[in-house]
Each structure stands twice: as C-alpha cells, then as structure tokens.
Amino acid sequence: MIPSEILKKVRLIEIKTRHIVNNLFGGEYHSAFKGMGMEFAEVREYTSGDDIRAIDWNVTARTGKPFIKKYDEERELTVMLIIDVSASGFFGTGESLKSDIMIELASILSFSAIKNNDKVGLLLFSDRIEEFIPPNKGKSHVLRVIREMIYHKAKDRKTDISVALEHIQKVIKRKSIIFLLSDFWDDSYQQSMKLINKKHDLINIQILDKAEITIPKLGLVKLHDVETQSSIWIDTNDKSLQNISPNNIRNKNDIIKKFCKNNKIDFISIDTSDGYLKPLEQFFNSRIHRY
C-alpha cells in the first residue's frame, strides 16, 4: 500500500503543476512540438508559396514538373521523461532540492503532454536502470508517473547517463520527444547522446544549485559525497578552494553546453533558487520561433 504522505505529495504536485500548465504552458507545448510527428500523405504538384525543401526530386525528374511531398501531422506524440535519481540530486541550499525541481518539471511536461492527447513514459536511472514505465495516455497514468518519481528509492547512488540512453534506444522505436533531467555530473554521455538525437528529439535539462558553483564562506565544514560515500573537511574561506572547486564544475558545464550546441541538442539550465518558469518559457518560445 502506498503511504498516505506520498499520496498527499502527489496531490499537491498535481495542483501546483496543472495550474502552471493551464495558465502558462499548455498552448506553448503544442506550438513547440507540433509537426514533430509527421507521416507521409501524398505527392502533389508544386504551387507558388510551397516550401522548396519539400520538393520530391525523383518525381520531379520523371514528370518534368516540380512536385512536393505532403505530410500530415500525427494525432499524437510520445514524450519520454528520463530522470536522474542518483544521490547527487538530493542536494539544495534553498527551499527545494534538485530532485524536487526535477519532479515538478517532469510533472509540468507530463500534464502538458496529456492535455494535447500525447503519451508519456518514464525512465528512472542512476548508474543502472532503476525503473521503466512504458508510454501511455491519461491523467491516471500521469499520476502514476508522478507517484513513482516521489516514491522510488534508488538502488544505486552514482550516475551513468549512457546506460539510460542506450536502454531508451532499445525499447522506444517510434520517434519521440525525450526530456533528460539531470545535473550531468557524468562524462559517459557523449556518444550515446549523439546516437539518440539522430532518431529522437532530445532536450537536456540541467538542474544545479548555486552552492555547487560558488562555495559559501562558512569556515571549516565537513562535506559528504553521497555518491561515493566519502567525507572530507574543508576550509570554505580558503581562496584556493574557492577557485578550484567551482572551476571544475564550470568546466563540466562548459563541456556539456558546447557539446549540445555543436550537436544541435536543446539544453536548458535551471538553478534551484531561481525557479524554472522563466527558463522553460524561454525554451518553448525559442522552439516556436525556430519552426
């Protein structure tokens, strides 16, 4: 039986995120992803104003007249949520942990999807596949997705993004919209991201906390790495530490951002203390204007 406190959390998240969807992102979601799923309908003769990129050169060569390929928008899309549940997600110096933000974002995307009659699936991962829920429609299915995100206790603590992406390649055959939510403290992802982005529409959402980039000056403190289970005492007033640790994280951020840009993969960066509404809205608007 599911504990009552989990059901209460599910209900609170539903109320909060559905309000956001109904007031902000319902229409933007549809506009941003319409046309993602297209199926061939017919070939017809080119008319003035048609997109020349749609010209079917084989038919044009045979007939001597320009023809274009016409496609119909599929009635439904598939949205896959890939959520990093490794131990580094349980960090936050503000009101919310990184894992809390991931759950709320995934809920917003889920309710946006079902509002447009799309399917939603879920994959939870650490350095292994923790749980997989195949894509389906409907409110009850989305509530199950939210419940599993809240209720799930990861069996492993570390992060391996390639394991998650390789699993999706095997089990999801139809072209899908894939949202990957993580802090991206991993170096194994590049080849698997390239491969999955060729077939699917991959959107990376990075969740960070300001304290990971700028260490607050608190004197001597004990830090515990929840992924490796190791601890160390550090002097947060030490100027060399203030430079070295944040620089390592900034370098990792620069690598993932540059990689995504070079491979035309959407990338959204969200800070736990700044909120996710503005970055998400900017992303939807950029997709709308892009197409």
Protein backbone atom coordinates (compact mmCIF):
# COMPACT_ATOMS: atom_id res chain seq x y z
CA MET A 1 0.00 0.00 0.00
CA ILE A 2 1.22 3.50 -0.87
CA PRO A 3 1.77 5.66 2.25
CA SER A 4 -0.73 8.50 2.74
CA GLU A 5 2.06 11.11 2.81
CA ILE A 6 3.12 10.05 -0.71
CA LEU A 7 -0.45 10.37 -1.98
CA LYS A 8 -0.64 13.80 -0.37
CA LYS A 9 2.58 14.87 -2.11
CA VAL A 10 1.24 13.61 -5.45
CA ARG A 11 -1.94 15.63 -4.98
CA LEU A 12 -0.01 18.80 -4.05
CA ILE A 13 2.25 18.47 -7.08
CA GLU A 14 -0.76 17.83 -9.31
CA ILE A 15 -2.48 21.00 -8.09
CA LYS A 16 0.64 23.15 -8.47
CA THR A 17 1.83 21.87 -11.85
CA ARG A 18 -1.59 21.61 -13.51
CA HIS A 19 -2.21 25.25 -12.59
CA ILE A 20 1.06 26.18 -14.31
CA VAL A 21 0.17 24.11 -17.38
CA ASN A 22 -3.34 25.58 -17.67
CA ASN A 23 -2.13 29.15 -17.27
CA LEU A 24 1.25 29.15 -18.98
CA PHE A 25 2.49 26.16 -20.91
CA GLY A 26 -0.42 24.24 -22.41
CA GLY A 27 -0.51 26.17 -25.68
CA GLU A 28 3.27 26.69 -25.79
CA TYR A 29 3.87 22.95 -25.54
CA HIS A 30 1.63 22.24 -28.52
CA SER A 31 3.12 25.04 -30.60
CA ALA A 32 6.68 23.99 -29.77
CA PHE A 33 6.25 20.37 -30.77
CA LYS A 34 3.53 20.37 -33.44
CA GLY A 35 4.83 18.74 -36.56
CA MET A 36 7.33 16.62 -34.61
CA GLY A 37 5.43 13.50 -35.59
CA MET A 38 4.74 13.61 -39.33
CA GLU A 39 3.53 10.87 -41.64
CA PHE A 40 3.65 10.87 -45.44
CA ALA A 41 0.30 11.66 -47.09
CA GLU A 42 0.79 12.25 -50.84
CA VAL A 43 2.79 13.86 -53.63
CA ARG A 44 1.22 16.85 -55.33
CA GLU A 45 2.28 19.40 -57.91
CA TYR A 46 4.25 22.37 -56.63
CA THR A 47 2.37 25.67 -56.35
CA SER A 48 3.68 29.16 -55.67
CA GLY A 49 4.41 29.65 -51.99
CA ASP A 50 5.21 25.99 -51.21
CA ASP A 51 8.40 25.25 -49.28
CA ILE A 52 11.06 24.28 -51.83
CA ARG A 53 12.61 21.98 -49.23
CA ALA A 54 9.59 19.70 -49.67
CA ILE A 55 10.24 19.11 -53.38
CA ASP A 56 10.35 15.43 -54.35
CA TRP A 57 13.22 15.46 -56.83
CA ASN A 58 12.63 11.90 -58.06
CA VAL A 59 9.03 12.58 -59.10
CA THR A 60 10.03 16.00 -60.47
CA ALA A 61 12.70 14.38 -62.66
CA ARG A 62 10.28 11.76 -64.00
CA THR A 63 7.44 14.16 -64.84
CA GLY A 64 9.36 17.25 -65.82
CA LYS A 65 7.23 19.30 -63.41
CA PRO A 66 8.01 20.19 -59.78
CA PHE A 67 6.19 18.06 -57.19
CA ILE A 68 6.33 18.23 -53.40
CA LYS A 69 5.86 15.67 -50.66
CA LYS A 70 2.90 16.42 -48.42
CA TYR A 71 2.84 15.24 -44.82
CA ASP A 72 0.08 15.14 -42.23
CA GLU A 73 0.71 15.83 -38.58
CA GLU A 74 0.25 12.70 -36.50
CA ARG A 75 -2.51 12.91 -33.95
CA GLU A 76 -0.30 12.04 -31.02
CA LEU A 77 3.31 12.27 -29.92
CA THR A 78 5.30 10.26 -27.41
CA VAL A 79 7.10 12.06 -24.57
CA MET A 80 9.75 10.17 -22.61
CA LEU A 81 10.97 11.52 -19.28
CA ILE A 82 14.45 10.30 -18.31
CA ILE A 83 15.11 11.26 -14.69
CA ASP A 84 18.44 11.06 -12.86
CA VAL A 85 17.72 9.62 -9.39
CA SER A 86 21.35 9.29 -8.31
CA ALA A 87 22.33 10.59 -4.88
CA SER A 88 23.65 13.97 -6.11
CA GLY A 89 20.04 15.03 -6.74
CA PHE A 90 19.41 15.19 -3.00
CA PHE A 91 21.21 18.48 -2.66
CA GLY A 92 19.90 22.00 -2.30
CA THR A 93 20.68 25.09 -0.27
CA GLY A 94 17.35 26.81 -0.87
CA GLU A 95 13.76 25.72 -0.37
CA SER A 96 13.98 22.84 -2.88
CA LEU A 97 16.38 20.00 -3.58
CA LYS A 98 17.49 19.35 -7.14
CA SER A 99 15.36 16.19 -7.09
CA ASP A 100 12.27 18.23 -6.09
CA ILE A 101 12.74 20.52 -9.09
CA MET A 102 13.11 17.51 -11.40
CA ILE A 103 9.82 16.06 -10.17
CA GLU A 104 7.94 19.34 -10.63
CA LEU A 105 9.38 19.88 -14.11
CA ALA A 106 8.56 16.33 -15.15
CA SER A 107 5.01 16.81 -13.85
CA ILE A 108 4.56 20.03 -15.87
CA LEU A 109 5.78 18.29 -19.02
CA SER A 110 3.54 15.29 -18.33
CA PHE A 111 0.36 17.33 -17.86
CA SER A 112 1.23 19.44 -20.92
CA ALA A 113 1.56 16.23 -22.93
CA ILE A 114 -1.73 14.63 -21.89
CA LYS A 115 -3.53 17.93 -22.41
CA ASN A 116 -2.52 17.51 -26.05
CA ASN A 117 -3.51 13.81 -26.04
CA ASP A 118 0.12 12.65 -26.18
CA LYS A 119 1.65 9.63 -24.49
CA VAL A 120 4.06 9.90 -21.55
CA GLY A 121 6.67 7.39 -20.42
CA LEU A 122 9.19 7.39 -17.57
CA LEU A 123 12.70 6.07 -17.08
CA LEU A 124 14.44 6.48 -13.71
CA PHE A 125 18.20 5.83 -13.68
CA SER A 126 21.33 6.05 -11.55
CA ASP A 127 24.29 4.03 -12.84
CA ARG A 128 21.70 1.39 -13.74
CA ILE A 129 18.09 1.29 -14.91
CA GLU A 130 16.03 1.83 -11.78
CA GLU A 131 12.53 1.76 -13.27
CA PHE A 132 10.83 1.98 -16.67
CA ILE A 133 7.17 2.83 -17.29
CA PRO A 134 6.11 2.48 -20.96
CA PRO A 135 4.40 5.48 -22.61
CA ASN A 136 0.65 5.76 -22.17
CA LYS A 137 -2.11 8.38 -22.08
CA GLY A 138 -4.44 9.81 -19.49
CA LYS A 139 -4.48 11.50 -16.12
CA SER A 140 -4.34 8.27 -14.10
CA HIS A 141 -1.19 7.26 -15.96
CA VAL A 142 0.48 10.64 -15.32
CA LEU A 143 -0.41 10.41 -11.62
CA ARG A 144 1.29 7.01 -11.56
CA VAL A 145 4.38 8.57 -13.17
CA ILE A 146 4.47 11.31 -10.52
CA ARG A 147 3.89 8.81 -7.73
CA GLU A 148 6.80 6.65 -8.89
CA MET A 149 9.14 9.65 -9.08
CA ILE A 150 8.30 10.56 -5.48
CA TYR A 151 8.11 7.04 -4.04
CA HIS A 152 11.11 5.45 -5.75
CA LYS A 153 14.24 4.79 -3.69
CA ALA A 154 17.30 4.38 -5.91
CA LYS A 155 19.23 1.14 -5.50
CA ASP A 156 22.50 2.74 -6.61
CA ARG A 157 23.99 6.16 -5.93
CA LYS A 158 26.18 7.03 -8.92
CA THR A 159 25.29 8.38 -12.39
CA ASP A 160 25.64 6.80 -15.83
CA ILE A 161 23.66 8.68 -18.46
CA SER A 162 24.74 6.39 -21.29
CA VAL A 163 23.03 3.42 -19.60
CA ALA A 164 19.71 5.29 -19.66
CA LEU A 165 20.02 6.49 -23.26
CA GLU A 166 21.07 3.06 -24.55
CA HIS A 167 18.04 1.50 -22.86
CA ILE A 168 15.70 4.02 -24.50
CA GLN A 169 17.24 3.25 -27.90
CA LYS A 170 16.29 -0.39 -27.41
CA VAL A 171 12.75 -0.01 -26.09
CA ILE A 172 11.37 3.12 -27.87
CA LYS A 173 11.12 2.51 -31.61
CA ARG A 174 8.91 5.41 -32.64
CA LYS A 175 10.44 8.90 -32.87
CA SER A 176 9.80 10.60 -29.53
CA ILE A 177 10.40 13.78 -27.57
CA ILE A 178 12.91 12.90 -24.86
CA PHE A 179 13.48 15.12 -21.83
CA LEU A 180 16.62 14.17 -19.91
CA LEU A 181 16.68 15.75 -16.42
CA SER A 182 19.99 15.56 -14.55
CA ASP A 183 22.80 17.62 -13.05
CA PHE A 184 25.07 15.96 -15.65
CA TRP A 185 27.86 15.09 -13.22
CA ASP A 186 28.93 12.35 -15.61
CA ASP A 187 31.37 12.00 -18.51
CA SER A 188 29.92 8.96 -20.25
CA TYR A 189 27.13 10.53 -22.28
CA GLN A 190 28.54 12.00 -25.49
CA GLN A 191 28.40 9.05 -27.91
CA SER A 192 25.01 7.82 -26.67
CA MET A 193 23.57 11.35 -26.91
CA LYS A 194 24.73 11.70 -30.50
CA LEU A 195 23.10 8.40 -31.43
CA ILE A 196 19.77 9.03 -29.71
CA ASN A 197 19.47 12.57 -31.08
CA LYS A 198 19.65 11.22 -34.64
CA LYS A 199 16.41 9.31 -34.12
CA HIS A 200 14.61 11.28 -31.41
CA ASP A 201 14.21 14.90 -30.31
CA LEU A 202 16.45 15.14 -27.23
CA ILE A 203 16.12 18.03 -24.77
CA ASN A 204 18.63 18.15 -21.90
CA ILE A 205 17.54 19.93 -18.71
CA GLN A 206 20.31 20.58 -16.21
CA ILE A 207 19.36 21.25 -12.58
CA LEU A 208 22.01 22.99 -10.47
CA ASP A 209 22.35 24.70 -7.11
CA LYS A 210 24.28 27.96 -6.70
CA ALA A 211 26.38 26.49 -3.89
CA GLU A 212 27.81 23.97 -6.35
CA ILE A 213 29.31 26.80 -8.39
CA THR A 214 30.02 29.39 -5.70
CA ILE A 215 31.00 27.87 -2.35
CA PRO A 216 29.63 29.97 0.54
CA LYS A 217 32.24 31.13 3.07
CA LEU A 218 31.26 29.24 6.21
CA GLY A 219 34.67 28.44 7.67
CA LEU A 220 35.61 24.82 8.41
CA VAL A 221 32.89 22.41 7.26
CA LYS A 222 32.57 18.69 6.64
CA LEU A 223 31.47 17.70 3.15
CA HIS A 224 29.95 14.30 2.42
CA ASP A 225 29.83 12.91 -1.14
CA VAL A 226 26.56 10.98 -1.25
CA GLU A 227 27.54 9.16 -4.45
CA THR A 228 30.93 7.84 -3.28
CA GLN A 229 30.06 7.85 0.46
CA SER A 230 33.35 9.64 1.22
CA SER A 231 33.74 12.64 3.57
CA ILE A 232 36.28 15.43 3.85
CA TRP A 233 36.80 18.53 6.00
CA ILE A 234 37.42 21.76 4.05
CA ASP A 235 38.05 25.40 4.88
CA THR A 236 35.49 27.29 2.80
CA ASN A 237 37.41 30.53 3.43
CA ASP A 238 40.46 29.14 1.63
CA LYS A 239 40.91 31.24 -1.54
CA SER A 240 42.49 28.37 -3.48
CA LEU A 241 39.48 26.14 -2.75
CA GLN A 242 37.11 28.95 -3.76
CA ASN A 243 38.77 28.92 -7.18
CA ILE A 244 39.50 25.24 -7.79
CA SER A 245 36.19 23.54 -6.95
CA PRO A 246 33.86 25.95 -8.78
CA ASN A 247 36.19 25.97 -11.78
CA ASN A 248 35.96 22.18 -12.07
CA ILE A 249 32.18 22.41 -12.12
CA ARG A 250 32.18 25.31 -14.57
CA ASN A 251 34.45 23.28 -16.86
CA LYS A 252 31.96 20.41 -16.79
CA ASN A 253 29.14 22.85 -17.56
CA ASP A 254 31.08 24.36 -20.45
CA ILE A 255 31.69 20.89 -21.88
CA ILE A 256 28.03 19.83 -21.85
CA LYS A 257 26.83 23.20 -23.21
CA LYS A 258 29.39 23.21 -26.02
CA PHE A 259 28.65 19.58 -26.84
CA CYS A 260 24.90 20.23 -27.08
CA LYS A 261 25.41 23.33 -29.22
CA ASN A 262 27.75 21.54 -31.64
CA ASN A 263 25.34 18.61 -31.98
CA LYS A 264 22.16 20.73 -32.17
CA ILE A 265 20.72 19.33 -28.95
CA ASP A 266 18.45 21.60 -26.90
CA PHE A 267 19.89 22.49 -23.49
CA ILE A 268 18.08 24.19 -20.59
CA SER A 269 19.93 25.24 -17.43
CA ILE A 270 17.92 25.74 -14.23
CA ASP A 271 19.07 26.89 -10.80
CA THR A 272 17.16 25.60 -7.78
CA SER A 273 16.89 29.06 -6.22
CA ASP A 274 15.97 30.99 -9.38
CA GLY A 275 12.98 28.87 -10.38
CA TYR A 276 12.18 27.05 -13.60
CA LEU A 277 9.29 29.05 -15.09
CA LYS A 278 11.39 31.61 -16.98
CA PRO A 279 13.92 29.12 -18.47
CA LEU A 280 11.08 26.79 -19.50
CA GLU A 281 9.10 29.61 -21.07
CA GLN A 282 12.19 30.82 -22.95
CA PHE A 283 12.75 27.30 -24.26
CA PHE A 284 9.18 26.92 -25.54
CA ASN A 285 9.31 30.35 -27.20
CA SER A 286 12.62 29.55 -28.89
CA ARG A 287 11.18 26.31 -30.29
CA ILE A 288 8.07 28.09 -31.57
CA HIS A 289 10.09 30.78 -33.36
CA ARG A 290 12.58 28.23 -34.68
CA TYR A 291 9.87 26.45 -36.67
